[in-house]
């Protein structure tokens, strides 16, 4: 997995490439927590190049969302590939997370 922290029109974006699994999720958690510790109001996660996610990756995002809600922050996902989106739908997490097709859609909400 590769993580790039990007600014998009003043918004913080975590762009992830590869698999988000039990081996890589600690690195993802560290990046996410660095933003939540600073109480960044809105974080977008780019899933366009994510090929796989397991329960530890999902748990990392759930933890980040819980922390962000304590200070009124928003965690938005965009560009989720079809196979990964099926996991979010099956587990009903598509109702928990803000999911958009693109960064532009997320930006407008």
Protein backbone atom coordinates (compact mmCIF):
# COMPACT_ATOMS: atom_id res chain seq x y z
CA UNK A 1 0.00 0.00 0.00
CA UNK A 2 1.09 3.54 -0.72
CA UNK A 3 -0.35 6.65 0.93
CA UNK A 4 -0.10 10.16 -0.44
CA UNK A 5 -1.31 13.12 1.58
CA UNK A 6 -2.58 15.76 -0.83
CA UNK A 7 -4.17 19.20 -0.60
CA UNK A 8 -7.08 19.72 -2.99
CA UNK A 9 -8.42 23.27 -2.95
CA UNK A 10 -7.53 23.56 0.72
CA UNK A 11 -8.97 20.15 1.65
CA UNK A 12 -6.92 17.29 3.03
CA UNK A 13 -7.01 14.18 0.87
CA UNK A 14 -5.57 10.77 1.70
CA UNK A 15 -4.89 9.04 -1.62
CA UNK A 16 -4.41 5.30 -1.11
CA UNK A 17 -2.93 2.86 -3.64
CA UNK A 18 -2.98 -0.92 -3.30
CA UNK A 19 -4.34 -3.16 -0.55
CA UNK A 20 -5.65 -1.90 2.79
CA UNK A 21 -5.19 -4.91 5.04
CA UNK A 22 -3.93 -5.91 8.47
CA UNK A 23 -0.34 -5.29 7.38
CA UNK A 24 -0.88 -1.84 5.91
CA UNK A 25 -3.73 -0.45 8.02
CA UNK A 26 -1.40 0.72 10.86
CA UNK A 27 0.29 3.09 8.38
CA UNK A 28 -3.12 4.31 7.21
CA UNK A 29 -4.23 4.76 10.82
CA UNK A 30 -1.15 6.89 11.52
CA UNK A 31 -1.94 9.19 8.56
CA UNK A 32 -5.60 9.48 9.53
CA UNK A 33 -4.84 10.10 13.21
CA UNK A 34 -2.32 12.83 12.32
CA UNK A 35 -5.21 14.73 10.74
CA UNK A 36 -7.71 14.02 13.51
CA UNK A 37 -5.26 15.15 16.19
CA UNK A 38 -5.12 18.51 14.39
CA UNK A 39 -8.95 18.46 14.24
CA UNK A 40 -8.95 18.88 10.47
CA UNK A 41 -12.64 19.63 9.71
CA UNK A 42 -12.91 17.61 6.50
CA UNK A 43 -10.84 14.69 5.26
CA UNK A 44 -11.45 12.99 1.92
CA UNK A 45 -10.11 9.53 1.13
CA UNK A 46 -9.38 8.70 -2.52
CA UNK A 47 -10.13 5.02 -3.16
CA UNK A 48 -9.56 5.15 -6.94
CA UNK A 49 -6.42 2.99 -6.76
CA UNK A 50 -7.41 0.72 -3.85
CA UNK A 51 -7.52 -2.91 -4.95
CA UNK A 52 -8.61 -4.56 -1.67
CA UNK A 53 -9.78 -3.73 1.84
CA UNK A 54 -10.25 -6.08 4.79
CA UNK A 55 -11.89 -5.67 8.19
CA UNK A 56 -8.80 -4.07 9.75
CA UNK A 57 -8.86 -1.36 7.08
CA UNK A 58 -12.55 -0.77 7.63
CA UNK A 59 -11.99 -0.66 11.40
CA UNK A 60 -9.34 2.04 10.87
CA UNK A 61 -11.85 4.21 9.04
CA UNK A 62 -14.57 3.55 11.63
CA UNK A 63 -12.17 4.68 14.36
CA UNK A 64 -11.27 7.80 12.39
CA UNK A 65 -14.93 8.63 11.80
CA UNK A 66 -15.77 8.23 15.50
CA UNK A 67 -12.97 10.60 16.47
CA UNK A 68 -13.96 13.14 13.83
CA UNK A 69 -17.57 13.14 14.98
CA UNK A 70 -16.43 14.19 18.48
CA UNK A 71 -15.29 17.53 17.07
CA UNK A 72 -17.79 17.87 14.21
CA UNK A 73 -15.42 16.74 11.46
CA UNK A 74 -16.39 14.95 8.26
CA UNK A 75 -14.78 11.89 6.68
CA UNK A 76 -15.66 11.52 3.02
CA UNK A 77 -14.78 8.71 0.60
CA UNK A 78 -14.69 8.98 -3.18
CA UNK A 79 -13.78 6.86 -6.18
CA UNK A 80 -14.55 3.51 -4.54
CA UNK A 81 -14.15 0.66 -7.06
CA UNK A 82 -17.22 -1.52 -7.68
CA UNK A 83 -15.90 -4.61 -5.84
CA UNK A 84 -14.99 -2.63 -2.74
CA UNK A 85 -18.27 -0.72 -2.86
CA UNK A 86 -20.07 -4.07 -2.65
CA UNK A 87 -18.35 -4.68 0.70
CA UNK A 88 -19.55 -1.30 2.00
CA UNK A 89 -23.11 -2.00 0.79
CA UNK A 90 -23.22 -5.56 2.13
CA UNK A 91 -22.06 -4.42 5.56
CA UNK A 92 -24.39 -1.37 5.43
CA UNK A 93 -21.38 0.91 5.83
CA UNK A 94 -22.56 2.86 2.80
CA UNK A 95 -25.11 4.32 5.24
CA UNK A 96 -22.41 5.18 7.80
CA UNK A 97 -19.79 6.85 5.62
CA UNK A 98 -20.21 9.76 3.22
CA UNK A 99 -19.46 8.18 -0.17
CA UNK A 100 -19.16 10.10 -3.44
CA UNK A 101 -18.16 9.30 -7.01
CA UNK A 102 -15.50 12.01 -7.21
CA UNK A 103 -13.69 14.64 -5.17
CA UNK A 104 -15.80 17.30 -6.91
CA UNK A 105 -19.02 15.63 -5.67
CA UNK A 106 -17.62 15.40 -2.13
CA UNK A 107 -16.54 19.02 -2.29
CA UNK A 108 -20.07 20.14 -3.17
CA UNK A 109 -21.53 18.44 -0.06
